[in-house]
Protein backbone atom coordinates (compact mmCIF):
# COMPACT_ATOMS: atom_id res chain seq x y z
CA MET A 1 82.46 -32.64 29.51
CA GLY A 2 79.22 -33.15 31.43
CA GLN A 3 77.79 -35.78 29.09
CA SER A 4 77.23 -38.31 31.87
CA GLU A 5 77.67 -36.50 35.18
CA THR A 6 74.66 -36.10 37.45
CA ILE A 7 74.28 -32.77 39.21
CA LEU A 8 72.11 -32.05 42.25
CA LEU A 9 70.41 -28.66 42.09
CA THR A 10 69.09 -27.56 45.50
CA GLY A 11 66.38 -24.95 45.10
CA GLY A 12 66.28 -25.97 41.46
CA ALA A 13 62.61 -25.11 40.93
CA GLY A 14 63.14 -21.49 41.90
CA TYR A 15 63.87 -18.52 39.70
CA ILE A 16 67.62 -18.84 39.18
CA GLY A 17 67.60 -22.59 39.79
CA SER A 18 65.11 -23.30 37.01
CA HIS A 19 67.08 -21.30 34.45
CA THR A 20 70.27 -23.04 35.55
CA TYR A 21 68.51 -26.40 35.19
CA VAL A 22 67.86 -25.61 31.53
CA ALA A 23 71.43 -24.43 30.97
CA LEU A 24 72.90 -27.54 32.61
CA VAL A 25 70.73 -29.93 30.61
CA GLU A 26 71.62 -28.09 27.41
CA ALA A 27 75.29 -28.50 28.39
CA GLY A 28 74.81 -32.28 28.59
CA TYR A 29 74.41 -32.84 32.31
CA ARG A 30 71.77 -34.98 34.00
CA VAL A 31 70.15 -32.82 36.67
CA ILE A 32 68.23 -33.71 39.83
CA ILE A 33 66.24 -31.06 41.70
CA LEU A 34 65.69 -30.80 45.44
CA ASP A 35 63.16 -28.11 46.39
CA ASP A 36 60.64 -27.54 49.17
CA PHE A 37 58.50 -25.28 46.92
CA SER A 38 58.34 -22.57 49.58
CA ASN A 39 59.04 -20.00 46.87
CA ALA A 40 58.37 -21.95 43.66
CA LYS A 41 55.43 -23.60 41.92
CA ARG A 42 55.30 -27.27 41.05
CA SER A 43 54.11 -26.39 37.56
CA VAL A 44 57.65 -25.27 36.77
CA LEU A 45 58.66 -28.94 36.56
CA THR A 46 56.31 -29.50 33.62
CA ARG A 47 57.70 -26.42 31.93
CA LEU A 48 61.29 -27.54 32.47
CA ALA A 49 60.47 -30.89 30.89
CA GLN A 50 58.95 -29.06 27.92
CA LEU A 51 61.97 -26.76 27.54
CA THR A 52 64.57 -29.51 27.80
CA ARG A 53 62.60 -32.28 26.07
CA VAL A 54 63.13 -34.73 28.92
CA ASN A 55 60.39 -37.21 29.74
CA GLU A 56 60.13 -36.17 33.36
CA VAL A 57 62.12 -33.89 35.65
CA THR A 58 63.56 -35.79 38.59
CA CYS A 59 62.64 -33.84 41.70
CA TYR A 60 62.77 -34.61 45.41
CA GLU A 61 60.40 -32.45 47.43
CA GLY A 62 61.83 -31.33 50.74
CA SER A 63 64.26 -29.10 52.56
CA VAL A 64 68.04 -29.04 52.83
CA LEU A 65 67.39 -29.00 56.59
CA ASP A 66 66.13 -32.60 56.28
CA GLY A 67 69.26 -34.70 56.76
CA ALA A 68 67.46 -38.00 56.15
CA LEU A 69 66.12 -36.76 52.81
CA LEU A 70 69.57 -35.56 51.78
CA ARG A 71 71.05 -38.96 52.58
CA ARG A 72 68.38 -40.64 50.47
CA VAL A 73 69.02 -38.34 47.51
CA PHE A 74 72.73 -39.17 47.54
CA GLU A 75 72.16 -42.88 48.14
CA GLU A 76 69.75 -43.17 45.21
CA ASN A 77 71.84 -41.20 42.72
CA GLU A 78 75.47 -41.14 41.68
CA ILE A 79 75.97 -37.40 42.01
CA ALA A 80 79.16 -35.76 40.77
CA ALA A 81 78.63 -32.26 42.16
CA VAL A 82 76.06 -29.92 43.69
CA VAL A 83 74.83 -26.47 42.71
CA HIS A 84 73.36 -24.95 45.86
CA PHE A 85 70.62 -22.32 45.56
CA ALA A 86 68.29 -23.33 48.40
CA ALA A 87 68.26 -20.32 50.73
CA ARG A 88 66.19 -17.42 51.93
CA LYS A 89 67.17 -14.32 49.98
CA ALA A 90 65.17 -11.17 50.84
CA VAL A 91 67.31 -8.46 52.45
CA GLY A 92 64.42 -6.65 54.11
CA GLU A 93 62.76 -9.82 55.42
CA SER A 94 66.06 -11.01 56.90
CA SER A 95 66.10 -8.00 59.23
CA GLU A 96 62.65 -9.06 60.49
CA LYS A 97 63.33 -12.82 60.66
CA PRO A 98 67.05 -13.31 61.29
CA LEU A 99 66.66 -16.68 63.01
CA ALA A 100 64.90 -18.15 59.98
CA TYR A 101 67.72 -16.92 57.75
CA PHE A 102 70.44 -18.32 60.02
CA GLU A 103 68.69 -21.70 60.08
CA THR A 104 68.00 -22.11 56.37
CA ASN A 105 71.08 -20.45 54.93
CA CYS A 106 73.75 -21.62 57.38
CA SER A 107 72.39 -24.79 58.98
CA GLY A 108 71.02 -25.91 55.61
CA LEU A 109 74.44 -25.56 54.02
CA LEU A 110 76.07 -27.51 56.84
CA LYS A 111 73.58 -30.37 56.53
CA LEU A 112 74.15 -30.46 52.77
CA LEU A 113 77.94 -30.56 53.17
CA ALA A 114 77.70 -33.33 55.75
CA ALA A 115 75.56 -35.40 53.39
CA MET A 116 78.04 -34.76 50.59
CA GLU A 117 81.02 -35.77 52.71
CA ALA A 118 79.31 -39.03 53.71
CA VAL A 119 79.32 -40.16 50.06
CA ASP A 120 82.56 -38.44 49.05
CA VAL A 121 80.96 -35.79 46.82
CA ARG A 122 83.15 -32.74 47.36
CA ARG A 123 82.48 -30.24 44.57
CA LEU A 124 79.86 -27.54 44.99
CA VAL A 125 78.89 -24.33 43.23
CA PHE A 126 77.60 -21.89 45.84
CA SER A 127 75.08 -19.13 45.29
CA SER A 128 76.53 -16.09 47.04
CA THR A 129 75.78 -12.41 46.63
CA ALA A 130 77.32 -9.01 46.09
CA THR A 131 75.75 -7.86 49.36
CA VAL A 132 78.77 -9.43 51.09
CA TYR A 133 80.59 -6.20 50.19
CA GLY A 134 78.39 -4.20 52.55
CA ASP A 135 78.25 -0.46 51.85
CA PRO A 136 81.37 -0.01 49.74
CA ALA A 137 83.20 3.30 49.49
CA PRO A 138 82.72 4.92 46.06
CA GLU A 139 86.42 4.59 45.28
CA LEU A 140 86.08 0.78 45.46
CA LEU A 141 83.65 0.68 42.53
CA PRO A 142 83.56 -1.38 40.41
CA LEU A 143 83.86 -4.03 43.10
CA LYS A 144 86.61 -6.62 42.87
CA GLU A 145 86.62 -9.91 44.76
CA ASP A 146 89.35 -8.69 47.13
CA ALA A 147 87.23 -5.75 48.33
CA PRO A 148 86.57 -5.79 52.10
CA LEU A 149 83.61 -7.91 53.19
CA ASN A 150 80.95 -6.46 55.46
CA TYR A 151 77.27 -7.03 56.06
CA MET A 152 74.35 -4.63 56.20
CA SER A 153 71.68 -7.27 56.84
CA PRO A 154 71.29 -10.73 58.38
CA TYR A 155 70.96 -12.10 54.83
CA ALA A 156 74.39 -10.77 53.87
CA PHE A 157 75.78 -12.06 57.17
CA THR A 158 74.61 -15.59 56.34
CA LYS A 159 76.35 -15.44 52.98
CA ILE A 160 79.63 -14.21 54.47
CA MET A 161 79.44 -16.91 57.12
CA SER A 162 78.72 -19.54 54.47
CA GLU A 163 81.64 -18.40 52.33
CA GLN A 164 83.94 -18.55 55.33
CA MET A 165 82.74 -22.06 56.18
CA LEU A 166 83.47 -23.18 52.63
CA GLU A 167 86.91 -21.57 52.78
CA GLN A 168 87.77 -23.44 55.99
CA ILE A 169 86.44 -26.74 54.65
CA ALA A 170 88.43 -26.37 51.42
CA ALA A 171 91.55 -25.67 53.47
CA SER A 172 90.99 -28.87 55.49
CA HIS A 173 91.44 -31.23 52.55
CA ALA A 174 92.43 -30.83 48.90
CA SER A 175 89.53 -33.02 47.75
CA TRP A 176 87.05 -30.21 48.41
CA ALA A 177 86.50 -27.62 45.67
CA PHE A 178 83.97 -24.80 45.75
CA GLY A 179 82.89 -22.32 43.12
CA VAL A 180 81.66 -19.27 45.02
CA LEU A 181 79.62 -16.99 42.76
CA ARG A 182 78.95 -13.52 44.09
CA TYR A 183 76.25 -12.36 41.79
CA PHE A 184 74.67 -9.05 41.55
CA ASN A 185 70.97 -8.52 40.66
CA PRO A 186 69.49 -11.26 38.46
CA VAL A 187 66.52 -10.17 36.37
CA GLY A 188 64.68 -11.12 33.18
CA ALA A 189 63.30 -14.45 32.03
CA HIS A 190 63.85 -17.30 29.61
CA PRO A 191 63.17 -16.21 25.99
CA SER A 192 60.47 -18.87 25.66
CA GLY A 193 58.35 -17.11 28.26
CA LEU A 194 57.85 -20.44 30.02
CA ILE A 195 59.90 -19.70 33.15
CA GLY A 196 60.67 -16.50 35.00
CA GLU A 197 60.54 -14.90 38.42
CA ASP A 198 57.20 -15.56 40.10
CA PRO A 199 57.30 -14.62 43.80
CA SER A 200 54.45 -16.00 45.86
CA ASP A 201 53.76 -12.69 47.63
CA ILE A 202 54.56 -8.99 47.23
CA PRO A 203 58.12 -9.05 45.87
CA ASN A 204 61.12 -7.66 47.71
CA ASN A 205 63.23 -7.19 44.58
CA LEU A 206 62.88 -4.38 42.09
CA MET A 207 62.05 -5.92 38.72
CA PRO A 208 59.35 -8.38 39.83
CA TYR A 209 57.73 -5.50 41.69
CA ILE A 210 57.86 -3.33 38.56
CA SER A 211 56.42 -6.19 36.53
CA LYS A 212 53.41 -6.39 38.85
CA VAL A 213 52.88 -2.65 38.42
CA ALA A 214 53.08 -3.07 34.63
CA ALA A 215 50.58 -5.93 34.81
CA GLY A 216 48.16 -3.85 36.88
CA GLU A 217 48.48 -6.03 39.98
CA LEU A 218 50.05 -3.23 42.04
CA PRO A 219 49.16 0.46 41.76
CA HIS A 220 52.68 1.88 41.66
CA LEU A 221 56.32 1.20 42.39
CA ASN A 222 57.62 2.22 45.80
CA VAL A 223 61.06 3.75 45.27
CA PHE A 224 62.82 3.28 48.59
CA GLY A 225 64.85 6.46 48.94
CA ASN A 226 65.66 9.25 46.50
CA ASP A 227 68.35 10.95 48.58
CA TYR A 228 71.27 8.62 47.94
CA ASP A 229 74.55 10.05 46.66
CA THR A 230 73.81 8.97 43.08
CA PRO A 231 73.03 10.99 39.92
CA ASP A 232 69.23 10.75 40.31
CA GLY A 233 69.16 10.05 44.06
CA THR A 234 67.96 6.44 43.71
CA GLY A 235 69.96 3.32 44.40
CA ILE A 236 72.26 1.99 41.70
CA ARG A 237 72.66 -1.73 41.11
CA ASP A 238 74.35 -4.03 38.65
CA TYR A 239 71.63 -6.03 36.86
CA ILE A 240 72.42 -9.29 35.09
CA HIS A 241 70.07 -11.30 32.88
CA VAL A 242 69.19 -14.59 34.55
CA SER A 243 70.20 -16.53 31.42
CA ASP A 244 73.68 -14.98 31.55
CA LEU A 245 73.82 -15.87 35.23
CA ALA A 246 72.75 -19.46 34.55
CA ALA A 247 75.53 -19.76 31.97
CA GLY A 248 77.98 -18.61 34.64
CA HIS A 249 76.95 -21.51 36.88
CA VAL A 250 77.60 -23.98 34.08
CA MET A 251 81.04 -22.43 33.50
CA SER A 252 81.85 -22.62 37.21
CA LEU A 253 80.79 -26.26 37.40
CA ASN A 254 82.78 -27.11 34.27
CA ARG A 255 85.90 -25.64 35.85
CA LEU A 256 85.39 -27.47 39.16
CA LEU A 257 85.00 -30.81 37.39
CA ALA A 258 87.93 -30.20 35.05
CA THR A 259 90.46 -28.84 37.58
CA ASN A 260 89.13 -29.57 41.08
CA GLU A 261 90.27 -26.04 41.91
CA GLY A 262 87.99 -23.65 43.72
CA HIS A 263 87.31 -20.04 42.79
CA VAL A 264 85.52 -16.95 44.07
CA VAL A 265 84.17 -14.68 41.33
CA ASN A 266 81.75 -11.84 40.74
CA LEU A 267 79.00 -12.41 38.19
CA GLY A 268 77.60 -9.12 36.98
CA SER A 269 77.44 -6.86 33.95
CA GLY A 270 79.97 -4.38 35.29
CA GLN A 271 77.52 -1.52 34.75
CA GLY A 272 75.20 0.12 37.26
CA HIS A 273 71.61 1.28 36.64
CA SER A 274 69.46 3.33 39.01
CA VAL A 275 65.95 2.41 40.11
CA LEU A 276 64.50 5.13 37.89
CA GLU A 277 66.55 3.94 34.90
CA VAL A 278 65.18 0.41 35.34
CA LEU A 279 61.66 1.77 35.70
CA ALA A 280 62.03 3.72 32.44
CA ALA A 281 63.44 0.68 30.62
CA TYR A 282 60.52 -1.44 31.77
CA GLY A 283 58.17 1.26 30.58
CA ARG A 284 59.74 0.97 27.12
CA ALA A 285 59.24 -2.80 27.23
CA CYS A 286 55.54 -2.63 28.11
CA GLY A 287 54.81 0.48 26.09
CA ARG A 288 53.73 2.91 28.78
CA GLU A 289 55.11 5.08 31.57
CA LEU A 290 54.84 3.32 34.92
CA PRO A 291 53.79 5.15 38.11
CA HIS A 292 56.01 5.37 41.17
CA GLU A 293 56.05 6.96 44.61
CA ILE A 294 58.99 7.81 46.83
CA ALA A 295 59.15 5.84 50.10
CA PRO A 296 61.64 5.84 53.00
CA ARG A 297 64.89 3.92 52.64
CA ARG A 298 64.86 0.24 53.60
CA ALA A 299 67.11 -1.14 56.31
CA GLY A 300 70.17 -2.82 54.81
CA ASP A 301 70.07 -1.08 51.42
CA VAL A 302 73.15 0.74 50.14
CA ALA A 303 73.61 3.58 47.65
CA ALA A 304 75.44 1.81 44.85
CA TYR A 305 77.33 -1.27 43.86
CA TYR A 306 78.36 -2.83 40.60
CA ALA A 307 80.83 -5.49 39.62
CA ASP A 308 84.26 -5.88 38.22
CA ALA A 309 83.71 -9.26 36.57
CA SER A 310 87.16 -9.55 34.98
CA ARG A 311 88.19 -12.50 37.18
CA ALA A 312 85.14 -14.49 36.04
CA ALA A 313 86.03 -13.67 32.44
CA ALA A 314 89.62 -14.84 32.93
CA LEU A 315 88.88 -18.02 34.92
CA LEU A 316 85.55 -19.11 33.46
CA GLY A 317 85.24 -17.35 30.12
CA PHE A 318 82.21 -15.53 31.51
CA GLU A 319 80.62 -12.54 29.80
CA THR A 320 77.17 -10.96 29.78
CA ARG A 321 75.35 -10.90 26.46
CA ARG A 322 72.08 -9.14 27.27
CA SER A 323 71.35 -5.44 27.90
CA LEU A 324 68.99 -3.77 30.38
CA ASP A 325 66.40 -3.41 27.63
CA ASP A 326 66.78 -7.13 26.85
CA MET A 327 66.24 -7.90 30.54
CA CYS A 328 63.06 -5.83 30.75
CA ALA A 329 61.69 -7.12 27.44
CA SER A 330 62.15 -10.76 28.49
CA SER A 331 60.55 -10.07 31.86
CA TRP A 332 57.51 -8.48 30.22
CA ASN A 333 57.29 -11.36 27.75
CA TRP A 334 57.20 -13.76 30.71
CA ILE A 335 54.45 -11.74 32.39
CA VAL A 336 52.19 -11.61 29.32
CA THR A 337 52.84 -15.12 27.97
CA GLY A 338 53.76 -17.45 30.79
CA ALA A 339 53.33 -16.18 34.34
CA LYS A 340 49.53 -16.10 34.35
CA GLU A 341 49.35 -19.78 33.44
CA ALA A 342 52.05 -20.93 35.85
C-alpha cells in the first residue's frame, strides 16, 4: 500500500508535518507539501530531501486560505488523500487573537474541503488535539474518545468545530472518510538531528521553551502555576515523541485508503508527566540542572490530562516506542547538532 499514491501535506514544513513527511516517504508514498512558512523555515525542504533521498521536495508556498492556490495544487497533481496540519496552534495566543484562529483553523479547513470536493478527493487525516476534552474531571482520566468535549480556549473551540464539520460532512455522503487524530503533546526530534521543533519566536509549548533555556537563549523556564491539584502542583500532560506521532498519521492514512472508513482516535503515550518531571528529564539530557521560576497560571490551561490510546492500538496498530528520556535526548540532540544551522 502507498507505493504510488500521492498525498498532500498541508503545513508539511512545520514541526509535526516535516516528521510526517519523512514517515510517509519511508512508507512508499509520494508527498507534496503546501506551507506558507509562517512558522517554518524553507531550509527544512533541503533537509527533508537529504533525509528521504529524493531529488527535490515538491512544495507549494501559500496558505490554505488561498482557494485559487488550492485548486491549482489539485489540478496539477493526482492526489489520493490529504493530511491536514496547517493551523494556528498556541493556546495562549488564541485567547489574544481569536479571530485569526477562527479564520485559519476553520475557514482554512472549509476552503481545503471545497477544493477536495471539486476534484473528488474525499479522504483526509485531520490534526486535532486533546484540548477538545476541556478540563476533564479526574475520574475521567485516562481520557477516552467518548469523554465529553469542551473548550477552554479559542484554539480548542476551533478544533471542536472542525471535528463537528467533518462529522457532518462524512454523514452527508459515504464517499467521505476522515481520520481524526486527537494527539496529546508532541515533543522530541528526528534521530538524525536534521529536523525538530524550531519556533520563530518565544515558544508557547513546554519542551521548546526548556530547550532554549538549556541552550542559554532564555534565562529560565517559567512554570505557569504550581498550585494545581497534582502531586507536585504543576500541570501534568501526556507527552508523545514526534516520530511516534508521525507513525500514527501513516497508520491512519493506511486505514483510510484500505477501508474508506473514518475513525476518531487519541494518540498519546497513556502516561502523564508534570512540568517539573519534564524539566528534570531535560536536565539529564543536557547534563545540568535547569533553572525555573514560578509564574501565574495561563488562561486556558488545565491541571492534568493524559490519554487512553487503546482505540488507536486496536484500529491502527498504534503504539508509542519512545520514553520521556528518549524525547528529551532527541530534542537536545536537535538543538546541539541541527537547529543552529537551520
